[in-house]
Amino acid sequence: MMGTDYRPREHTIAPNREPDAEPITRSMECMACGATSPVSEGHVEPQDWILGHIRGFPAHLDYREHVTLPYRVRPGQWL
């Protein structure tokens, strides 16, 4: 568009801590079979899931934690 100026702007990327932000969630994944725990906002449920899973599958010793952390981009100064 003719006559329009575009200026760059600084931005900050950070975890979204606003009251209306999505919650931080986590789950565990068994590295041996790919089974996953329920998604939870706390640590206890996914870790309890591992203890139950290992009772059924004693050789499944390695797990991966999946954490979902919402982020927000905040506009800053015009450059």
Protein backbone atom coordinates (compact mmCIF):
# COMPACT_ATOMS: atom_id res chain seq x y z
CA MET A 1 0.00 0.00 0.00
CA MET A 2 1.43 3.36 -0.96
CA GLY A 3 2.29 5.78 1.82
CA THR A 4 2.37 3.16 4.59
CA ASP A 5 5.45 2.94 6.79
CA TYR A 6 6.43 -0.29 8.50
CA ARG A 7 8.67 -0.20 11.54
CA PRO A 8 10.18 -3.13 13.38
CA ARG A 9 9.18 -3.65 16.99
CA GLU A 10 10.88 -5.39 19.90
CA HIS A 11 9.06 -8.41 21.30
CA THR A 12 9.53 -10.45 24.44
CA ILE A 13 8.67 -14.14 24.55
CA ALA A 14 7.96 -15.54 28.00
CA PRO A 15 5.79 -18.13 29.78
CA ASN A 16 2.20 -16.91 30.01
CA ARG A 17 1.48 -16.28 33.69
CA GLU A 18 -1.77 -14.38 33.12
CA PRO A 19 -4.79 -15.54 35.17
CA ASP A 20 -6.55 -16.68 31.98
CA ALA A 21 -3.54 -18.61 30.62
CA GLU A 22 -3.85 -22.30 29.87
CA PRO A 23 -2.52 -24.42 32.74
CA ILE A 24 0.91 -26.02 32.71
CA THR A 25 0.34 -29.72 32.12
CA ARG A 26 2.52 -32.81 32.14
CA SER A 27 2.37 -36.46 31.24
CA MET A 28 4.79 -39.38 31.16
CA GLU A 29 5.62 -41.65 28.24
CA CYS A 30 7.09 -45.13 28.54
CA MET A 31 10.14 -45.29 26.28
CA ALA A 32 9.82 -49.06 25.86
CA CYS A 33 6.24 -49.25 24.55
CA GLY A 34 5.06 -45.69 23.98
CA ALA A 35 2.19 -45.86 26.49
CA THR A 36 1.38 -42.52 28.10
CA SER A 37 -0.06 -41.39 31.41
CA PRO A 38 -3.10 -39.15 31.67
CA VAL A 39 -2.35 -35.44 31.28
CA SER A 40 -2.27 -33.68 34.65
CA GLU A 41 -1.60 -30.24 36.11
CA GLY A 42 0.47 -31.85 38.88
CA HIS A 43 3.37 -34.29 39.19
CA VAL A 44 1.67 -36.94 41.30
CA GLU A 45 -0.73 -38.52 38.82
CA PRO A 46 1.86 -39.04 36.03
CA GLN A 47 4.41 -40.43 38.51
CA ASP A 48 1.81 -42.74 40.06
CA TRP A 49 1.01 -43.94 36.54
CA ILE A 50 4.67 -44.97 36.13
CA LEU A 51 4.51 -47.03 39.32
CA GLY A 52 1.41 -48.82 38.06
CA HIS A 53 2.91 -49.32 34.59
CA ILE A 54 6.13 -50.81 35.93
CA ARG A 55 4.18 -53.32 38.01
CA GLY A 56 2.70 -54.68 34.80
CA PHE A 57 5.90 -54.29 32.78
CA PRO A 58 8.94 -54.68 35.08
CA ALA A 59 11.44 -54.28 32.22
CA HIS A 60 10.06 -50.84 31.24
CA LEU A 61 12.49 -48.64 33.16
CA ASP A 62 12.85 -45.52 31.00
CA TYR A 63 10.29 -42.70 30.77
CA ARG A 64 10.02 -39.25 29.20
CA GLU A 65 8.11 -36.34 30.71
CA HIS A 66 6.06 -34.14 28.36
CA VAL A 67 5.40 -30.65 29.69
CA THR A 68 3.07 -28.17 28.01
CA LEU A 69 3.92 -24.62 29.06
CA PRO A 70 1.90 -21.81 27.46
CA TYR A 71 3.90 -18.83 26.18
CA ARG A 72 2.91 -15.31 25.22
CA VAL A 73 4.58 -12.75 22.97
CA ARG A 74 4.52 -9.25 24.41
CA PRO A 75 5.05 -6.31 22.09
CA GLY A 76 7.65 -3.80 23.23
CA GLN A 77 9.23 -0.60 21.97
CA TRP A 78 9.00 0.48 18.38
CA LEU A 79 12.44 0.59 16.80
